[in-house]
Amino acid sequence: MQTEKLKLLLEKVQSGQVDVEAALAELRSLPYENLGGFATLDHHRALRNGFPEVVFGQGKQPEQVTAIARRLAERSDKVLVTRVDPEMARIVQADFPELVYHPLPRLLVLDRSTPSEKHPGILVVTAGTADLPVAEEAAMTAELMNNSVERMFDVGVAGVHRLLSQVERLWQARVIVVAAGMDGALPSVVGGLVSVPVIAVPTSVGYGASFNGLAALLTMLNSCATGVGVVNIDNGFGAGVLASNINQLGG
């Protein structure tokens, strides 16, 4: 349950529009709810963290994802499902057509929120075009969390002049997400140019010795640039959440 909905319910109790028993029934499953024995939904997540529970689609059955998403949608105006392949999206959307599928980042999204002013300040950068799926997962996650996100793609170190020609955009950001595979060097370069937090996202892009992103991860963990933090391989979602939290600090 979102903070706004809880406030509205309490106000209705105060005004007499909703009786105490009805309010208790509404709040009974507020902390969590068992759903069919296969999921325990955390309805308290938005109150604690500012955003409803997000569904990790990979490994789940489409019917389970549909049931979880429907129940979350009853309590929130936003639903996000990550790691959804096209076949799962097709099956889920057949039962829940309100969900919008974004194939590049593999996200299912429901957004019925009232339009409001977004927090500017997030820039998502990629080393190469092949890093776009992870970068877009980060960008769209941050956008759903009420941030305005700018993008700067395909500016890796093999042609670093592409990055340096846009350095003013780097300086304007409050937090920067950098997705890179192969050698994973770009976050260090960006970190050496800016005074804001840089969230490095290693991607599983590259040839054999990249070890599915491990090489990039180790490069980023060993960065000599200050202010660079690292999330897990291909974890665009985690980077987007962290960027949102940083961007909205102090308001």
Protein backbone atom coordinates (compact mmCIF):
# COMPACT_ATOMS: atom_id res chain seq x y z
CA MET A 1 0.00 0.00 0.00
CA GLN A 2 1.35 3.41 -0.95
CA THR A 3 1.66 6.22 1.59
CA GLU A 4 -0.93 8.34 -0.25
CA LYS A 5 -3.50 5.54 -0.23
CA LEU A 6 -2.95 4.87 3.47
CA LYS A 7 -3.39 8.56 4.28
CA LEU A 8 -6.58 8.65 2.23
CA LEU A 9 -7.97 5.61 4.06
CA LEU A 10 -7.20 7.15 7.47
CA GLU A 11 -8.77 10.44 6.44
CA LYS A 12 -11.93 8.58 5.38
CA VAL A 13 -12.05 6.87 8.78
CA GLN A 14 -11.61 10.24 10.47
CA SER A 15 -14.41 11.81 8.43
CA GLY A 16 -16.74 8.84 8.93
CA GLN A 17 -16.80 7.82 5.26
CA VAL A 18 -15.27 4.45 6.14
CA ASP A 19 -16.04 2.59 9.38
CA VAL A 20 -13.33 1.09 11.57
CA GLU A 21 -14.15 -2.53 10.66
CA ALA A 22 -13.87 -1.83 6.94
CA ALA A 23 -10.54 -0.06 7.50
CA LEU A 24 -9.25 -3.00 9.54
CA ALA A 25 -10.21 -5.37 6.73
CA GLU A 26 -8.28 -3.18 4.29
CA LEU A 27 -5.22 -3.05 6.55
CA ARG A 28 -5.24 -6.70 7.57
CA SER A 29 -2.90 -7.75 4.76
CA LEU A 30 -0.85 -4.53 4.85
CA PRO A 31 2.49 -6.04 5.98
CA TYR A 32 2.45 -9.08 3.70
CA GLU A 33 0.15 -11.57 2.00
CA ASN A 34 0.55 -15.22 1.06
CA LEU A 35 -0.47 -15.75 -2.54
CA GLY A 36 -1.34 -19.32 -3.44
CA GLY A 37 1.59 -20.75 -1.49
CA PHE A 38 4.11 -19.66 -4.17
CA ALA A 39 4.68 -16.02 -3.19
CA THR A 40 4.58 -13.83 -0.10
CA LEU A 41 3.86 -10.29 -1.24
CA ASP A 42 5.37 -7.40 0.69
CA HIS A 43 2.60 -4.78 0.66
CA HIS A 44 4.58 -2.69 3.16
CA ARG A 45 7.48 -2.13 0.73
CA ALA A 46 6.26 1.21 -0.60
CA LEU A 47 5.83 2.60 2.91
CA ARG A 48 9.37 1.57 3.90
CA ASN A 49 11.27 2.11 0.64
CA GLY A 50 9.15 4.53 -1.36
CA PHE A 51 8.31 2.08 -4.17
CA PRO A 52 6.21 -1.11 -4.31
CA GLU A 53 7.74 -4.57 -4.45
CA VAL A 54 9.29 -5.32 -7.86
CA VAL A 55 8.83 -8.73 -9.47
CA PHE A 56 11.82 -10.67 -10.82
CA GLY A 57 10.24 -12.55 -13.72
CA GLN A 58 13.06 -14.92 -14.64
CA GLY A 59 12.48 -18.43 -13.28
CA LYS A 60 8.81 -17.87 -12.53
CA GLN A 61 5.88 -19.34 -14.43
CA PRO A 62 3.87 -16.83 -16.49
CA GLU A 63 0.76 -17.65 -14.45
CA GLN A 64 2.63 -16.83 -11.26
CA VAL A 65 3.84 -13.50 -12.66
CA THR A 66 0.29 -12.64 -13.74
CA ALA A 67 -1.16 -13.46 -10.33
CA ILE A 68 1.53 -11.49 -8.50
CA ALA A 69 1.24 -8.48 -10.80
CA ARG A 70 -2.56 -8.40 -10.52
CA ARG A 71 -2.45 -8.47 -6.74
CA LEU A 72 0.23 -5.79 -6.55
CA ALA A 73 -1.79 -3.64 -8.96
CA GLU A 74 -4.74 -3.75 -6.57
CA ARG A 75 -2.59 -2.01 -3.97
CA SER A 76 -0.45 0.28 -6.11
CA ASP A 77 -0.63 2.42 -9.22
CA LYS A 78 2.77 1.15 -10.39
CA VAL A 79 3.94 -2.39 -11.11
CA LEU A 80 7.35 -3.39 -12.47
CA VAL A 81 8.36 -6.89 -13.61
CA THR A 82 11.99 -7.39 -14.65
CA ARG A 83 13.72 -10.09 -16.72
CA VAL A 84 10.72 -10.97 -18.88
CA ASP A 85 11.35 -12.78 -22.16
CA PRO A 86 9.00 -12.22 -25.13
CA GLU A 87 7.16 -15.51 -24.67
CA MET A 88 6.41 -14.80 -21.00
CA ALA A 89 5.32 -11.27 -21.92
CA ARG A 90 2.91 -12.63 -24.53
CA ILE A 91 1.26 -14.99 -22.05
CA VAL A 92 1.10 -12.47 -19.21
CA GLN A 93 -0.29 -9.69 -21.40
CA ALA A 94 -3.03 -12.00 -22.68
CA ASP A 95 -4.39 -12.13 -19.12
CA PHE A 96 -3.28 -8.68 -17.97
CA PRO A 97 -3.25 -6.37 -21.02
CA GLU A 98 -2.70 -3.22 -18.94
CA LEU A 99 0.93 -4.24 -18.56
CA VAL A 100 3.16 -2.71 -21.24
CA TYR A 101 6.10 -4.76 -22.51
CA HIS A 102 9.43 -3.13 -23.34
CA PRO A 103 11.46 -5.77 -25.20
CA LEU A 104 14.90 -4.13 -25.10
CA PRO A 105 15.19 -3.97 -21.28
CA ARG A 106 12.79 -6.92 -20.92
CA LEU A 107 10.41 -5.07 -18.61
CA LEU A 108 6.67 -5.29 -18.03
CA VAL A 109 5.36 -1.99 -16.68
CA LEU A 110 2.08 -0.69 -15.29
CA ASP A 111 1.92 3.03 -14.54
CA ARG A 112 -1.44 4.51 -13.59
CA SER A 113 0.07 7.26 -11.45
CA THR A 114 -1.00 10.88 -11.74
CA PRO A 115 1.57 12.77 -13.85
CA SER A 116 3.85 14.88 -11.68
CA GLU A 117 7.09 16.82 -11.97
CA LYS A 118 10.04 14.45 -12.16
CA HIS A 119 13.39 14.85 -10.41
CA PRO A 120 16.07 15.80 -12.97
CA GLY A 121 19.70 14.77 -12.59
CA ILE A 122 20.24 11.16 -13.72
CA LEU A 123 22.42 10.40 -16.74
CA VAL A 124 22.75 6.84 -18.10
CA VAL A 125 25.85 6.18 -20.19
CA THR A 126 26.94 3.10 -22.15
CA ALA A 127 30.28 2.04 -23.56
CA GLY A 128 28.66 0.30 -26.55
CA THR A 129 25.34 -0.33 -28.22
CA ALA A 130 25.37 -3.92 -26.94
CA ASP A 131 25.08 -2.51 -23.39
CA LEU A 132 21.71 -0.90 -24.17
CA PRO A 133 19.47 -3.61 -22.64
CA VAL A 134 21.08 -3.19 -19.23
CA ALA A 135 21.25 0.60 -19.56
CA GLU A 136 17.59 0.87 -20.52
CA GLU A 137 16.62 -1.34 -17.59
CA ALA A 138 18.37 1.19 -15.34
CA ALA A 139 16.91 4.20 -17.11
CA MET A 140 13.31 2.97 -17.19
CA THR A 141 13.48 1.84 -13.57
CA ALA A 142 14.62 5.31 -12.51
CA GLU A 143 11.95 6.95 -14.67
CA LEU A 144 9.22 4.83 -13.08
CA MET A 145 10.54 6.01 -9.72
CA ASN A 146 9.73 9.59 -10.75
CA ASN A 147 13.07 10.73 -12.14
CA SER A 148 13.89 12.46 -15.40
CA VAL A 149 16.66 10.48 -17.11
CA GLU A 150 19.03 11.53 -19.87
CA ARG A 151 20.94 9.06 -22.02
CA MET A 152 24.39 9.04 -23.62
CA PHE A 153 25.06 5.86 -25.58
CA ASP A 154 28.04 4.26 -27.36
CA VAL A 155 30.82 6.46 -25.97
CA GLY A 156 33.32 3.77 -24.90
CA VAL A 157 37.06 4.13 -24.46
CA ALA A 158 37.89 2.80 -27.93
CA GLY A 159 36.74 6.21 -29.15
CA VAL A 160 37.00 8.31 -26.00
CA HIS A 161 36.65 11.55 -27.98
CA ARG A 162 32.93 10.70 -28.25
CA LEU A 163 32.69 11.03 -24.49
CA LEU A 164 34.95 14.05 -24.12
CA SER A 165 32.95 16.01 -26.69
CA GLN A 166 29.94 15.75 -24.35
CA VAL A 167 31.68 16.38 -21.04
CA GLU A 168 29.36 19.28 -20.20
CA ARG A 169 26.46 16.81 -20.01
CA LEU A 170 28.43 14.77 -17.50
CA TRP A 171 29.02 17.86 -15.37
CA GLN A 172 25.30 18.69 -15.32
CA ALA A 173 24.26 15.35 -13.83
CA ARG A 174 23.69 14.65 -10.12
CA VAL A 175 24.37 10.91 -10.49
CA ILE A 176 25.67 8.90 -13.45
CA VAL A 177 25.04 5.25 -14.32
CA VAL A 178 27.70 3.75 -16.60
CA ALA A 179 27.09 0.35 -18.23
CA ALA A 180 30.05 -1.33 -19.87
CA GLY A 181 31.17 -4.81 -20.86
CA MET A 182 34.44 -6.10 -22.35
CA ASP A 183 37.25 -4.31 -20.44
CA GLY A 184 34.80 -2.31 -18.29
CA ALA A 185 37.03 0.76 -18.30
CA LEU A 186 34.48 3.49 -19.00
CA PRO A 187 33.26 4.08 -15.40
CA SER A 188 36.83 4.91 -14.33
CA VAL A 189 37.13 7.46 -17.13
CA VAL A 190 33.80 9.04 -16.21
CA GLY A 191 34.70 8.96 -12.53
CA GLY A 192 37.86 10.92 -13.28
CA LEU A 193 35.85 13.68 -14.96
CA VAL A 194 33.06 14.36 -12.46
CA SER A 195 32.47 15.10 -8.77
CA VAL A 196 29.15 13.22 -8.50
CA PRO A 197 28.50 9.54 -7.71
CA VAL A 198 29.14 7.12 -10.56
CA ILE A 199 27.29 3.79 -10.49
CA ALA A 200 29.21 1.25 -12.55
CA VAL A 201 27.26 -1.62 -14.13
CA PRO A 202 29.33 -4.45 -15.61
CA THR A 203 27.56 -6.17 -18.49
CA SER A 204 28.01 -9.69 -19.83
CA VAL A 205 29.08 -8.32 -23.22
CA GLY A 206 32.38 -9.45 -24.70
CA TYR A 207 34.47 -12.29 -26.05
CA GLY A 208 35.64 -15.40 -24.17
CA ALA A 209 38.04 -13.89 -21.63
CA SER A 210 35.40 -11.40 -20.53
CA PHE A 211 33.91 -14.38 -18.64
CA ASN A 212 30.30 -13.14 -19.05
CA GLY A 213 31.01 -9.83 -17.34
CA LEU A 214 33.43 -10.97 -14.65
CA ALA A 215 36.36 -9.16 -16.28
CA ALA A 216 34.38 -5.90 -16.39
CA LEU A 217 33.25 -6.40 -12.79
CA LEU A 218 36.81 -6.84 -11.54
CA THR A 219 37.99 -3.81 -13.51
CA MET A 220 35.26 -1.65 -11.96
CA LEU A 221 35.92 -2.94 -8.44
CA ASN A 222 39.58 -2.01 -8.89
CA SER A 223 38.88 1.47 -10.27
CA CYS A 224 41.37 4.11 -9.16
CA ALA A 225 38.79 6.85 -9.80
CA THR A 226 37.07 8.14 -6.66
CA GLY A 227 33.31 8.11 -6.22
CA VAL A 228 32.69 4.94 -8.26
CA GLY A 229 30.39 2.27 -6.81
CA VAL A 230 29.64 -1.05 -8.48
CA VAL A 231 26.51 -3.20 -8.77
CA ASN A 232 26.26 -6.79 -9.93
CA ILE A 233 26.72 -7.97 -13.52
CA ASP A 234 23.81 -6.92 -15.77
CA ASN A 235 21.96 -5.43 -12.77
CA GLY A 236 20.45 -2.43 -14.50
CA PHE A 237 17.49 -2.52 -12.14
CA GLY A 238 19.69 -2.21 -9.06
CA ALA A 239 21.61 0.66 -10.65
CA GLY A 240 18.37 2.46 -11.49
CA VAL A 241 17.06 2.15 -7.94
CA LEU A 242 20.33 3.36 -6.43
CA ALA A 243 20.51 6.28 -8.85
CA SER A 244 16.94 7.24 -7.94
CA ASN A 245 17.69 7.11 -4.21
CA ILE A 246 20.78 9.30 -4.63
CA ASN A 247 19.02 11.72 -6.95
CA GLN A 248 16.14 12.27 -4.54
CA LEU A 249 18.21 12.75 -1.39
CA GLY A 250 17.18 15.94 0.36
CA GLY A 251 13.87 16.20 -1.44
